[in-house]
Amino acid sequence: MADNRDWRLQIDDLAGDFTVVAWDAPGCGGSFDPPDDFGLEGYADSLATFIGTLGLDTPHVMGLSFGSVLALELFRRHPECVRSLVLLSGYAGWAGSLGHDEAEQRRRWGQSVADLPPRRVATDFAATLFTQEVPTEIVQSYVELMTEFRPAGVRAIANALADADLREVLPSIDVPTLLVHGDVDQRAPLRIAEELHARIPGSKLVVIQGPGHMVTLEAPERVNHEVRSFLTT
């Protein structure tokens, strides 16, 4: 998913202090269906157009998982659109952070499940996103959102992530950058956050004990606190 509803717990809490805008990425929510080869470049250009159309003046950019990779690509292609970066459960792309073999394995999985019954796929995928300690209602709520995925979005995002290697971008990042990571993340193991932190000059890494990949849902209060503190200092 890359749907604005993924951010409901952040929007509700942070909107009192900031103008918060969450989009539906192409292939998700109310957005258009992209071609399979849309690529990370297509997503970044679409996001830059979205920012420009809304008249946002160099916003802070926050992304989770795929969104973190997209935020890095937005900085690479459209640095004028980025005031700061908040990368949650981040990667430098699947190829960049996991290596070619794992990236290709994840690509193949995405292509293989895109046309399967959504609930079956969402339930299986959720098992890799959350820890076992998460209340069932949180997991089920997210599964319900995921059942609305569209095949075009799954294929395009899987291809974009599998092809992405943004390691060379990291040393050039010259805007304030916050990294937030759950210490038991299965999808993006903690070593990846540590590598991002080591490569991004002046970045801050916050490791939250307990959450998995969906740190925004497992530890929303802590995430919101760290984001608010980062953006107001």
Protein backbone atom coordinates (compact mmCIF):
# COMPACT_ATOMS: atom_id res chain seq x y z
CA MET A 1 0.00 0.00 0.00
CA ALA A 2 1.00 3.63 -0.55
CA ASP A 3 -2.37 5.08 0.39
CA ASN A 4 -2.97 8.23 2.42
CA ARG A 5 -4.90 6.15 4.96
CA ASP A 6 -1.66 4.44 5.98
CA TRP A 7 -0.82 7.68 7.80
CA ARG A 8 -4.03 8.23 9.74
CA LEU A 9 -2.37 8.05 13.18
CA GLN A 10 0.28 10.56 12.13
CA ILE A 11 -2.14 12.91 10.38
CA ASP A 12 -4.52 13.03 13.33
CA ASP A 13 -1.73 13.81 15.80
CA LEU A 14 0.63 16.03 13.81
CA ALA A 15 -1.97 18.16 12.04
CA GLY A 16 -2.29 20.35 15.11
CA ASP A 17 1.29 21.56 14.61
CA PHE A 18 1.92 21.19 10.89
CA THR A 19 0.15 21.26 7.56
CA VAL A 20 0.11 17.53 6.85
CA VAL A 21 -0.54 16.19 3.34
CA ALA A 22 -0.57 12.47 2.47
CA TRP A 23 -0.98 11.28 -1.09
CA ASP A 24 -2.19 8.18 -2.88
CA ALA A 25 0.80 6.99 -4.91
CA PRO A 26 0.08 5.88 -8.50
CA GLY A 27 -1.55 2.48 -8.36
CA CYS A 28 -2.97 3.06 -4.88
CA GLY A 29 -6.09 4.64 -3.40
CA GLY A 30 -7.70 7.14 -5.75
CA SER A 31 -4.65 7.58 -8.00
CA PHE A 32 -4.15 6.35 -11.56
CA ASP A 33 -2.77 2.93 -12.48
CA PRO A 34 0.83 3.18 -13.71
CA PRO A 35 2.49 0.88 -16.24
CA ASP A 36 4.65 -1.93 -14.90
CA ASP A 37 7.80 -0.06 -15.96
CA PHE A 38 6.77 3.25 -14.37
CA GLY A 39 9.94 3.09 -12.30
CA LEU A 40 11.07 5.05 -9.30
CA GLU A 41 11.67 8.01 -11.60
CA GLY A 42 8.02 8.05 -12.60
CA TYR A 43 6.91 8.00 -8.98
CA ALA A 44 9.32 10.78 -8.02
CA ASP A 45 8.27 12.98 -10.93
CA SER A 46 4.61 12.42 -10.06
CA LEU A 47 5.27 13.38 -6.45
CA ALA A 48 7.13 16.52 -7.53
CA THR A 49 4.16 17.46 -9.71
CA PHE A 50 1.81 16.78 -6.80
CA ILE A 51 3.87 19.06 -4.53
CA GLY A 52 3.96 21.80 -7.17
CA THR A 53 0.25 21.57 -7.94
CA LEU A 54 -0.60 22.03 -4.27
CA GLY A 55 1.79 24.98 -4.04
CA LEU A 56 3.72 23.46 -1.15
CA ASP A 57 6.83 25.48 -0.40
CA THR A 58 9.77 23.07 0.00
CA PRO A 59 8.01 20.64 2.35
CA HIS A 60 9.44 18.23 4.84
CA VAL A 61 9.15 14.80 3.18
CA MET A 62 8.36 11.67 5.20
CA GLY A 63 8.14 8.16 3.80
CA LEU A 64 7.80 4.63 5.14
CA SER A 65 9.34 1.60 3.40
CA PHE A 66 8.67 2.21 -0.32
CA GLY A 67 7.95 5.80 0.63
CA SER A 68 11.43 6.17 2.11
CA VAL A 69 12.99 5.07 -1.19
CA LEU A 70 10.70 7.44 -3.05
CA ALA A 71 11.75 10.29 -0.74
CA LEU A 72 15.40 9.61 -1.57
CA GLU A 73 14.65 9.56 -5.30
CA LEU A 74 12.67 12.80 -4.95
CA PHE A 75 15.74 14.39 -3.35
CA ARG A 76 17.92 13.07 -6.18
CA ARG A 77 15.70 14.29 -9.00
CA HIS A 78 13.99 17.29 -7.41
CA PRO A 79 16.07 18.60 -4.48
CA GLU A 80 14.16 21.86 -4.57
CA CYS A 81 11.12 19.93 -3.30
CA VAL A 82 12.79 18.70 -0.10
CA ARG A 83 13.37 20.71 3.07
CA SER A 84 14.17 17.68 5.23
CA LEU A 85 13.79 13.91 5.10
CA VAL A 86 12.12 11.55 7.57
CA LEU A 87 12.81 7.96 6.55
CA LEU A 88 10.86 5.31 8.42
CA SER A 89 11.72 1.61 8.04
CA GLY A 90 13.90 2.78 5.19
CA TYR A 91 15.92 1.32 2.36
CA ALA A 92 18.29 2.63 -0.30
CA GLY A 93 16.12 0.56 -2.65
CA TRP A 94 15.85 -3.22 -2.52
CA ALA A 95 18.88 -3.63 -4.76
CA GLY A 96 20.79 -1.02 -2.80
CA SER A 97 20.07 -2.39 0.66
CA LEU A 98 19.32 -6.09 0.16
CA GLY A 99 21.42 -7.03 -2.82
CA HIS A 100 20.47 -8.21 -6.30
CA ASP A 101 19.34 -11.74 -5.40
CA GLU A 102 16.98 -10.68 -2.60
CA ALA A 103 15.67 -7.79 -4.70
CA GLU A 104 14.85 -10.15 -7.56
CA GLN A 105 13.20 -12.61 -5.19
CA ARG A 106 10.95 -9.86 -3.85
CA ARG A 107 10.20 -8.66 -7.38
CA ARG A 108 9.12 -12.17 -8.39
CA TRP A 109 6.92 -12.44 -5.30
CA GLY A 110 5.21 -9.14 -6.15
CA GLN A 111 4.54 -10.21 -9.73
CA SER A 112 3.26 -13.61 -8.61
CA VAL A 113 0.72 -12.28 -6.11
CA ALA A 114 -0.53 -9.23 -7.99
CA ASP A 115 -3.52 -11.06 -9.46
CA LEU A 116 -4.28 -13.38 -6.53
CA PRO A 117 -7.25 -12.85 -4.15
CA PRO A 118 -6.38 -9.67 -2.21
CA ARG A 119 -7.34 -10.92 1.25
CA ARG A 120 -5.13 -13.97 0.97
CA VAL A 121 -2.17 -11.87 -0.14
CA ALA A 122 -2.76 -9.17 2.48
CA THR A 123 -2.98 -11.67 5.33
CA ASP A 124 0.25 -13.42 4.31
CA PHE A 125 2.11 -10.16 3.75
CA ALA A 126 0.99 -8.68 7.08
CA ALA A 127 2.81 -11.49 8.86
CA THR A 128 6.10 -9.93 7.70
CA LEU A 129 5.11 -6.38 8.69
CA PHE A 130 4.16 -6.75 12.35
CA THR A 131 5.49 -8.44 15.44
CA GLN A 132 3.41 -11.12 17.13
CA GLU A 133 2.81 -8.82 20.10
CA VAL A 134 0.75 -6.36 18.06
CA PRO A 135 -2.97 -6.31 18.97
CA THR A 136 -5.03 -8.25 16.45
CA GLU A 137 -7.26 -5.28 15.72
CA ILE A 138 -4.30 -3.22 14.46
CA VAL A 139 -3.22 -5.97 12.10
CA GLN A 140 -6.74 -6.61 10.86
CA SER A 141 -7.35 -2.92 10.25
CA TYR A 142 -4.26 -2.78 8.06
CA VAL A 143 -5.20 -5.99 6.27
CA GLU A 144 -8.54 -4.41 5.37
CA LEU A 145 -6.69 -1.50 3.73
CA MET A 146 -4.36 -3.86 1.92
CA THR A 147 -7.23 -5.85 0.43
CA GLU A 148 -7.92 -2.79 -1.74
CA PHE A 149 -4.57 -3.05 -3.50
CA ARG A 150 -4.63 -3.02 -7.29
CA PRO A 151 -2.49 -5.35 -9.43
CA ALA A 152 -0.98 -2.48 -11.41
CA GLY A 153 0.25 -0.82 -8.24
CA VAL A 154 1.75 -4.02 -6.84
CA ARG A 155 3.65 -4.74 -10.05
CA ALA A 156 4.90 -1.18 -10.56
CA ILE A 157 6.04 -0.71 -6.95
CA ALA A 158 7.74 -4.11 -6.83
CA ASN A 159 9.63 -3.31 -10.04
CA ALA A 160 10.60 0.16 -8.84
CA LEU A 161 11.90 -1.13 -5.52
CA ALA A 162 13.74 -4.07 -7.04
CA ASP A 163 15.57 -1.87 -9.53
CA ALA A 164 16.45 0.87 -7.05
CA ASP A 165 19.98 1.33 -5.74
CA LEU A 166 20.33 4.79 -4.21
CA ARG A 167 23.50 4.23 -2.23
CA GLU A 168 25.38 6.81 -4.29
CA VAL A 169 22.79 9.45 -3.38
CA LEU A 170 23.23 9.09 0.37
CA PRO A 171 26.53 10.98 0.82
CA SER A 172 25.14 13.92 -1.17
CA ILE A 173 22.15 14.50 1.10
CA ASP A 174 22.51 17.98 2.54
CA VAL A 175 19.17 18.43 4.26
CA PRO A 176 18.35 17.40 7.86
CA THR A 177 17.50 13.69 7.90
CA LEU A 178 15.79 11.58 10.56
CA LEU A 179 15.79 7.78 10.42
CA VAL A 180 13.29 5.87 12.57
CA HIS A 181 13.44 2.09 12.71
CA GLY A 182 11.92 -0.75 14.70
CA ASP A 183 14.57 -3.03 16.11
CA VAL A 184 12.85 -6.27 15.00
CA ASP A 185 11.93 -5.20 11.47
CA GLN A 186 11.81 -8.30 9.23
CA ARG A 187 11.40 -6.45 5.94
CA ALA A 188 14.23 -3.95 6.45
CA PRO A 189 16.56 -5.34 9.13
CA LEU A 190 18.13 -2.85 11.52
CA ARG A 191 21.52 -3.11 9.82
CA ILE A 192 20.00 -1.27 6.85
CA ALA A 193 19.06 1.72 9.00
CA GLU A 194 22.55 1.71 10.46
CA GLU A 195 24.04 1.72 6.95
CA LEU A 196 21.82 4.63 5.91
CA HIS A 197 22.79 6.52 9.04
CA ALA A 198 26.49 5.93 8.39
CA ARG A 199 26.23 7.17 4.80
CA ILE A 200 23.92 10.21 5.21
CA PRO A 201 25.92 13.14 6.62
CA GLY A 202 24.60 14.47 9.92
CA SER A 203 21.61 12.13 9.99
CA LYS A 204 19.90 11.13 13.22
CA LEU A 205 18.92 7.50 13.85
CA VAL A 206 16.21 6.59 16.36
CA VAL A 207 15.79 2.87 17.05
CA ILE A 208 12.52 1.96 18.76
CA GLN A 209 12.57 -1.22 20.80
CA GLY A 210 9.79 -3.66 19.94
CA PRO A 211 8.19 -2.69 16.61
CA GLY A 212 8.56 -4.37 13.26
CA HIS A 213 8.29 -2.79 9.82
CA MET A 214 5.04 -0.88 10.40
CA VAL A 215 6.54 1.25 13.12
CA THR A 216 3.94 3.98 12.50
CA LEU A 217 1.16 1.63 13.61
CA GLU A 218 3.02 -0.32 16.29
CA ALA A 219 4.52 2.72 18.04
CA PRO A 220 2.61 5.76 16.75
CA GLU A 221 3.10 7.88 19.86
CA ARG A 222 6.86 7.43 19.81
CA VAL A 223 7.09 8.01 16.06
CA ASN A 224 5.00 11.15 16.29
CA HIS A 225 7.07 12.44 19.20
CA GLU A 226 10.32 11.90 17.31
CA VAL A 227 8.99 13.51 14.16
CA ARG A 228 7.60 16.52 16.03
CA SER A 229 10.84 16.99 17.95
CA PHE A 230 12.93 16.70 14.78
CA LEU A 231 10.85 19.20 12.84
CA THR A 232 10.69 21.79 15.59
CA THR A 233 14.36 21.91 16.61
